[in-house]
Amino acid sequence: MSNKDDELKRLKRIRDQQIRARDPTTKEKKLQHTIATRRRKSVRKFSFVELFREVSHKVKGTLIGAILGLLIFLFLPYFVETSWIDFVGIGAIFFLTILGFFLGQALDARDSLKELINK
């Protein structure tokens, strides 16, 4: 009897495997899983560091120059007390912003020349 029961269980397992193999929802689930996996891999998390890397050197230089000029404008009156120190601070903002822009433009030109040479 156990031989017969074992044979019936084996046949039942084979039949269930065949039904699962023909089941269209299995293929659909596998496709959805593949799509979801690709989507998860393609979507990256937002990062300010990556954003800052992607920005051109001109923009970075201008921004850094403006920030340095602003810091000079804010902290210079604590060290020098004259009536015209505000004009020096404003001049520092403009000068460092323009200097940062030109340095950034030079770095962008250097990078584009490197790309041309390496091609």
N, C-alpha and C. Protein backbone atom coordinates (compact mmCIF):
# COMPACT_ATOMS: atom_id res chain seq x y z
N MET A 1 0.81 -1.20 0.00
CA MET A 1 0.00 0.00 0.00
C MET A 1 0.85 1.26 0.00
N SER A 2 1.92 1.23 0.75
CA SER A 2 2.76 2.42 0.81
C SER A 2 3.39 2.72 -0.54
N ASN A 3 3.66 1.65 -1.31
CA ASN A 3 4.20 1.83 -2.65
C ASN A 3 3.21 2.57 -3.52
N LYS A 4 1.95 2.22 -3.37
CA LYS A 4 0.88 2.85 -4.15
C LYS A 4 0.70 4.31 -3.72
N ASP A 5 0.75 4.54 -2.39
CA ASP A 5 0.62 5.91 -1.88
C ASP A 5 1.80 6.78 -2.33
N ASP A 6 2.98 6.20 -2.30
CA ASP A 6 4.16 6.95 -2.75
C ASP A 6 4.04 7.31 -4.22
N GLU A 7 3.55 6.34 -4.99
CA GLU A 7 3.39 6.58 -6.42
C GLU A 7 2.35 7.67 -6.68
N LEU A 8 1.26 7.65 -5.92
CA LEU A 8 0.22 8.68 -6.07
C LEU A 8 0.75 10.06 -5.68
N LYS A 9 1.52 10.13 -4.62
CA LYS A 9 2.10 11.41 -4.20
C LYS A 9 3.06 11.95 -5.26
N ARG A 10 3.85 11.02 -5.82
CA ARG A 10 4.79 11.43 -6.85
C ARG A 10 4.07 11.95 -8.08
N LEU A 11 3.02 11.26 -8.49
CA LEU A 11 2.23 11.70 -9.65
C LEU A 11 1.55 13.04 -9.37
N LYS A 12 1.08 13.20 -8.15
CA LYS A 12 0.42 14.46 -7.78
C LYS A 12 1.43 15.62 -7.82
N ARG A 13 2.65 15.38 -7.33
CA ARG A 13 3.70 16.40 -7.36
C ARG A 13 4.06 16.76 -8.80
N ILE A 14 4.18 15.74 -9.64
CA ILE A 14 4.50 16.00 -11.05
C ILE A 14 3.40 16.81 -11.70
N ARG A 15 2.15 16.46 -11.43
CA ARG A 15 1.01 17.20 -12.00
C ARG A 15 1.01 18.64 -11.51
N ASP A 16 1.28 18.87 -10.24
CA ASP A 16 1.32 20.24 -9.70
C ASP A 16 2.46 21.04 -10.33
N GLN A 17 3.60 20.40 -10.55
CA GLN A 17 4.73 21.08 -11.20
C GLN A 17 4.37 21.47 -12.63
N GLN A 18 3.68 20.58 -13.33
CA GLN A 18 3.29 20.88 -14.70
C GLN A 18 2.28 22.02 -14.75
N ILE A 19 1.36 22.03 -13.81
CA ILE A 19 0.36 23.12 -13.76
C ILE A 19 1.06 24.44 -13.45
N ARG A 20 2.01 24.43 -12.50
CA ARG A 20 2.74 25.65 -12.17
C ARG A 20 3.57 26.14 -13.35
N ALA A 21 4.14 25.20 -14.11
CA ALA A 21 4.96 25.57 -15.26
C ALA A 21 4.12 26.23 -16.35
N ARG A 22 2.85 25.84 -16.47
CA ARG A 22 1.99 26.42 -17.49
C ARG A 22 1.24 27.65 -17.00
N ASP A 23 1.38 27.98 -15.73
CA ASP A 23 0.63 29.08 -15.13
C ASP A 23 1.14 30.42 -15.68
N PRO A 24 0.28 31.21 -16.36
CA PRO A 24 0.73 32.49 -16.93
C PRO A 24 1.07 33.53 -15.85
N THR A 25 0.49 33.42 -14.68
CA THR A 25 0.80 34.40 -13.64
C THR A 25 2.24 34.27 -13.16
N THR A 26 2.83 33.09 -13.29
CA THR A 26 4.23 32.90 -12.89
C THR A 26 5.14 33.74 -13.78
N LYS A 27 4.88 33.70 -15.08
CA LYS A 27 5.69 34.51 -16.00
C LYS A 27 5.47 35.99 -15.74
N GLU A 28 4.25 36.36 -15.45
CA GLU A 28 3.93 37.77 -15.17
C GLU A 28 4.64 38.24 -13.89
N LYS A 29 4.62 37.40 -12.86
CA LYS A 29 5.31 37.76 -11.62
C LYS A 29 6.81 37.90 -11.84
N LYS A 30 7.37 36.99 -12.64
CA LYS A 30 8.80 37.06 -12.92
C LYS A 30 9.14 38.33 -13.70
N LEU A 31 8.31 38.70 -14.65
CA LEU A 31 8.51 39.92 -15.43
C LEU A 31 8.41 41.14 -14.52
N GLN A 32 7.41 41.18 -13.67
CA GLN A 32 7.25 42.31 -12.75
C GLN A 32 8.45 42.41 -11.80
N HIS A 33 8.94 41.27 -11.34
CA HIS A 33 10.10 41.27 -10.46
C HIS A 33 11.33 41.83 -11.19
N THR A 34 11.51 41.43 -12.44
CA THR A 34 12.64 41.93 -13.23
C THR A 34 12.54 43.43 -13.45
N ILE A 35 11.34 43.90 -13.78
CA ILE A 35 11.13 45.33 -13.99
C ILE A 35 11.40 46.12 -12.71
N ALA A 36 10.89 45.63 -11.58
CA ALA A 36 11.07 46.31 -10.30
C ALA A 36 12.55 46.35 -9.91
N THR A 37 13.27 45.27 -10.17
CA THR A 37 14.70 45.23 -9.85
C THR A 37 15.47 46.23 -10.70
N ARG A 38 15.18 46.28 -11.99
CA ARG A 38 15.86 47.25 -12.86
C ARG A 38 15.55 48.67 -12.44
N ARG A 39 14.31 48.92 -12.06
CA ARG A 39 13.91 50.27 -11.64
C ARG A 39 14.66 50.69 -10.38
N ARG A 40 14.75 49.77 -9.42
CA ARG A 40 15.46 50.08 -8.18
C ARG A 40 16.93 50.37 -8.44
N LYS A 41 17.52 49.65 -9.38
CA LYS A 41 18.93 49.88 -9.69
C LYS A 41 19.14 51.20 -10.42
N SER A 42 18.17 51.58 -11.25
CA SER A 42 18.34 52.79 -12.06
C SER A 42 18.09 54.06 -11.25
N VAL A 43 17.27 54.01 -10.24
CA VAL A 43 16.96 55.19 -9.44
C VAL A 43 17.99 55.31 -8.32
N ARG A 44 18.73 56.43 -8.35
CA ARG A 44 19.74 56.66 -7.31
C ARG A 44 19.18 57.62 -6.28
N LYS A 45 19.74 57.55 -5.09
CA LYS A 45 19.34 58.47 -4.04
C LYS A 45 19.95 59.84 -4.32
N PHE A 46 19.24 60.88 -3.90
CA PHE A 46 19.71 62.25 -4.10
C PHE A 46 20.84 62.55 -3.14
N SER A 47 21.89 63.16 -3.65
CA SER A 47 23.03 63.50 -2.83
C SER A 47 23.56 64.87 -3.25
N PHE A 48 23.78 65.74 -2.28
CA PHE A 48 24.33 67.06 -2.58
C PHE A 48 25.76 66.96 -3.10
N VAL A 49 26.50 65.95 -2.66
CA VAL A 49 27.87 65.77 -3.12
C VAL A 49 27.87 65.47 -4.62
N GLU A 50 26.98 64.57 -5.07
CA GLU A 50 26.90 64.26 -6.49
C GLU A 50 26.41 65.47 -7.28
N LEU A 51 25.49 66.20 -6.71
CA LEU A 51 25.00 67.41 -7.37
C LEU A 51 26.13 68.41 -7.54
N PHE A 52 26.94 68.58 -6.51
CA PHE A 52 28.05 69.52 -6.57
C PHE A 52 29.11 69.07 -7.56
N ARG A 53 29.29 67.74 -7.72
CA ARG A 53 30.26 67.21 -8.70
C ARG A 53 29.81 67.47 -10.13
N GLU A 54 28.52 67.45 -10.36
CA GLU A 54 27.99 67.59 -11.71
C GLU A 54 27.98 69.05 -12.20
N VAL A 55 28.01 69.99 -11.28
CA VAL A 55 27.96 71.40 -11.65
C VAL A 55 29.30 71.81 -12.24
N SER A 56 29.27 72.70 -13.24
CA SER A 56 30.51 73.12 -13.89
C SER A 56 31.38 73.92 -12.92
N HIS A 57 32.65 73.98 -13.26
CA HIS A 57 33.59 74.71 -12.41
C HIS A 57 33.29 76.21 -12.38
N LYS A 58 32.72 76.73 -13.46
CA LYS A 58 32.38 78.16 -13.48
C LYS A 58 31.38 78.49 -12.37
N VAL A 59 30.36 77.65 -12.26
CA VAL A 59 29.33 77.89 -11.25
C VAL A 59 29.90 77.69 -9.86
N LYS A 60 30.69 76.63 -9.69
CA LYS A 60 31.31 76.38 -8.39
C LYS A 60 32.22 77.53 -7.98
N GLY A 61 33.06 77.98 -8.91
CA GLY A 61 33.99 79.07 -8.61
C GLY A 61 33.26 80.35 -8.25
N THR A 62 32.20 80.65 -9.01
CA THR A 62 31.42 81.85 -8.73
C THR A 62 30.78 81.76 -7.35
N LEU A 63 30.23 80.61 -7.04
CA LEU A 63 29.57 80.42 -5.75
C LEU A 63 30.58 80.50 -4.60
N ILE A 64 31.71 79.85 -4.74
CA ILE A 64 32.72 79.87 -3.68
C ILE A 64 33.29 81.28 -3.51
N GLY A 65 33.53 81.98 -4.63
CA GLY A 65 34.02 83.36 -4.54
C GLY A 65 33.02 84.28 -3.85
N ALA A 66 31.74 84.12 -4.17
CA ALA A 66 30.71 84.95 -3.53
C ALA A 66 30.62 84.65 -2.03
N ILE A 67 30.74 83.39 -1.67
CA ILE A 67 30.68 83.03 -0.24
C ILE A 67 31.88 83.60 0.51
N LEU A 68 33.08 83.49 -0.09
CA LEU A 68 34.26 84.06 0.56
C LEU A 68 34.16 85.59 0.68
N GLY A 69 33.66 86.24 -0.37
CA GLY A 69 33.47 87.69 -0.31
C GLY A 69 32.45 88.07 0.75
N LEU A 70 31.40 87.29 0.87
CA LEU A 70 30.39 87.56 1.90
C LEU A 70 30.97 87.39 3.30
N LEU A 71 31.80 86.38 3.48
CA LEU A 71 32.44 86.18 4.79
C LEU A 71 33.36 87.36 5.12
N ILE A 72 34.10 87.83 4.13
CA ILE A 72 34.95 89.01 4.35
C ILE A 72 34.10 90.22 4.70
N PHE A 73 32.99 90.39 3.97
CA PHE A 73 32.08 91.52 4.23
C PHE A 73 31.52 91.46 5.65
N LEU A 74 31.23 90.24 6.13
CA LEU A 74 30.64 90.12 7.47
C LEU A 74 31.66 90.23 8.60
N PHE A 75 32.87 89.70 8.41
CA PHE A 75 33.83 89.65 9.51
C PHE A 75 34.89 90.76 9.50
N LEU A 76 35.07 91.44 8.39
CA LEU A 76 36.07 92.50 8.33
C LEU A 76 35.76 93.67 9.28
N PRO A 77 34.50 94.07 9.46
CA PRO A 77 34.24 95.18 10.41
C PRO A 77 34.64 94.87 11.85
N TYR A 78 34.76 93.59 12.22
CA TYR A 78 35.20 93.26 13.58
C TYR A 78 36.69 93.51 13.78
N PHE A 79 37.46 93.50 12.69
CA PHE A 79 38.90 93.68 12.80
C PHE A 79 39.34 95.11 12.47
N VAL A 80 38.63 95.78 11.56
CA VAL A 80 39.01 97.14 11.16
C VAL A 80 37.78 98.03 11.37
N GLU A 81 37.97 99.11 12.12
CA GLU A 81 36.84 100.00 12.37
C GLU A 81 37.07 101.33 11.66
N THR A 82 36.56 101.43 10.45
CA THR A 82 36.57 102.69 9.71
C THR A 82 35.21 102.85 9.04
N SER A 83 34.98 104.03 8.52
CA SER A 83 33.66 104.30 7.93
C SER A 83 33.52 103.69 6.54
N TRP A 84 34.62 103.44 5.86
CA TRP A 84 34.55 102.94 4.49
C TRP A 84 34.73 101.44 4.37
N ILE A 85 34.72 100.72 5.50
CA ILE A 85 34.97 99.27 5.48
C ILE A 85 33.84 98.49 4.77
N ASP A 86 32.61 99.03 4.77
CA ASP A 86 31.51 98.37 4.06
C ASP A 86 31.77 98.34 2.56
N PHE A 87 32.36 99.42 2.03
CA PHE A 87 32.68 99.45 0.61
C PHE A 87 33.76 98.44 0.26
N VAL A 88 34.70 98.24 1.16
CA VAL A 88 35.75 97.24 0.94
C VAL A 88 35.13 95.84 0.92
N GLY A 89 34.19 95.60 1.82
CA GLY A 89 33.51 94.30 1.87
C GLY A 89 32.70 94.02 0.61
N ILE A 90 31.99 95.04 0.14
CA ILE A 90 31.21 94.88 -1.10
C ILE A 90 32.15 94.67 -2.29
N GLY A 91 33.24 95.40 -2.30
CA GLY A 91 34.24 95.21 -3.35
C GLY A 91 34.85 93.81 -3.31
N ALA A 92 35.05 93.29 -2.09
CA ALA A 92 35.59 91.93 -1.96
C ALA A 92 34.61 90.91 -2.51
N ILE A 93 33.31 91.13 -2.27
CA ILE A 93 32.30 90.21 -2.81
C ILE A 93 32.38 90.19 -4.34
N PHE A 94 32.37 91.37 -4.96
CA PHE A 94 32.41 91.42 -6.42
C PHE A 94 33.73 90.88 -6.97
N PHE A 95 34.84 91.27 -6.37
CA PHE A 95 36.14 90.83 -6.86
C PHE A 95 36.29 89.31 -6.77
N LEU A 96 35.96 88.74 -5.62
CA LEU A 96 36.12 87.30 -5.44
C LEU A 96 35.12 86.51 -6.29
N THR A 97 33.93 87.07 -6.50
CA THR A 97 32.97 86.39 -7.38
C THR A 97 33.49 86.34 -8.80
N ILE A 98 34.00 87.46 -9.29
CA ILE A 98 34.55 87.49 -10.65
C ILE A 98 35.79 86.61 -10.75
N LEU A 99 36.65 86.66 -9.75
CA LEU A 99 37.85 85.82 -9.74
C LEU A 99 37.47 84.34 -9.75
N GLY A 100 36.49 83.96 -8.95
CA GLY A 100 36.03 82.57 -8.93
C GLY A 100 35.46 82.14 -10.26
N PHE A 101 34.73 83.04 -10.92
CA PHE A 101 34.17 82.72 -12.23
C PHE A 101 35.27 82.44 -13.24
N PHE A 102 36.28 83.31 -13.28
CA PHE A 102 37.36 83.13 -14.26
C PHE A 102 38.22 81.91 -13.95
N LEU A 103 38.47 81.65 -12.68
CA LEU A 103 39.21 80.43 -12.33
C LEU A 103 38.41 79.18 -12.72
N GLY A 104 37.10 79.22 -12.47
CA GLY A 104 36.25 78.10 -12.87
C GLY A 104 36.23 77.90 -14.37
N GLN A 105 36.20 79.01 -15.10
CA GLN A 105 36.21 78.92 -16.57
C GLN A 105 37.53 78.32 -17.05
N ALA A 106 38.62 78.66 -16.40
CA ALA A 106 39.92 78.08 -16.76
C ALA A 106 39.93 76.58 -16.49
N LEU A 107 39.36 76.18 -15.35
CA LEU A 107 39.31 74.75 -15.04
C LEU A 107 38.41 73.99 -16.02
N ASP A 108 37.31 74.61 -16.43
CA ASP A 108 36.44 73.98 -17.44
C ASP A 108 37.17 73.83 -18.76
N ALA A 109 37.94 74.84 -19.15
CA ALA A 109 38.71 74.77 -20.39
C ALA A 109 39.75 73.66 -20.30
N ARG A 110 40.40 73.54 -19.15
CA ARG A 110 41.39 72.48 -18.95
C ARG A 110 40.74 71.11 -19.09
N ASP A 111 39.57 70.93 -18.48
CA ASP A 111 38.88 69.64 -18.58
C ASP A 111 38.46 69.33 -20.00
N SER A 112 37.98 70.32 -20.73
CA SER A 112 37.57 70.06 -22.12
C SER A 112 38.78 69.74 -22.99
N LEU A 113 39.94 70.37 -22.72
CA LEU A 113 41.15 70.03 -23.46
C LEU A 113 41.62 68.62 -23.15
N LYS A 114 41.51 68.20 -21.90
CA LYS A 114 41.86 66.83 -21.52
C LYS A 114 40.98 65.83 -22.24
N GLU A 115 39.68 66.14 -22.34
CA GLU A 115 38.77 65.24 -23.05
C GLU A 115 39.12 65.14 -24.53
N LEU A 116 39.51 66.27 -25.14
CA LEU A 116 39.89 66.26 -26.55
C LEU A 116 41.17 65.47 -26.77
N ILE A 117 42.11 65.58 -25.86
CA ILE A 117 43.38 64.87 -26.00
C ILE A 117 43.18 63.36 -25.83
N ASN A 118 42.32 62.98 -24.90
CA ASN A 118 42.13 61.57 -24.60
C ASN A 118 41.27 60.84 -25.61
N LYS A 119 40.65 61.53 -26.54
CA LYS A 119 39.79 60.86 -27.53
C LYS A 119 40.56 60.13 -28.55
